[in-house]
Amino acid sequence: MPKPLFDFPAGASGVRTALAKHNYAAALEEAAKLPDAQGGADLKRAIQGMIDGRVSMMKSAMKEGDFLTALEAATALKKELAGLPAAPEAEKALDEVKANKEAEPEIAAQKKIRAILEQKLGKRVEYEKAVSELKKIASDLKSSYAAKEASEATATIAKRREAAR
């Protein structure tokens, strides 16, 4: 965005409201109503850039095998892009995740990794259990995005353990 939402001109309240609700179609419509002197064209370009960036991130996650991120992004974008030309991209990504046989175990592993990282670990036994679970995920899903994520999470848990000492 060229400026923060709270700095938008008074006439752009519709754009601000639509963006706050992640309704990109309405935001583009409202920005189109603004004259160029109030930044209408700039806002339209910025909103389109936001849309393109979100779609690109979703596609990139899919390409990398980060199925959970792709699924979450596609689910959100399906609603947020309703009525826009980019909307089918989200539906396509959702269909690809559902059709991919490798996606289900990967997503389950990614959810487990995130849950482990969110835990408050205090005792040595808790750290060891978390590391053990992460190493099992990494070995079970070798050469996958979840295995990479599990290895990174193991390093994060180890750093937390050192910091807690």
Foldseek 3Di string as FASTA:
>chain_A
DVDDLVPQPPQQVQLSVLVVVLQLVSNLVSLCPDDVVSPSVVSNVVSVVVVVVLLVVLVVCVVQQVLQVNLVSLVVLCVSQPPHPCNVSSVVSNVVLVPDPVNVVLNVLVVVLVVLLPDDDDDPVSLVVSLVSLCVQLVVDPPHPSNVSSVVSNVVSVVVVVVND
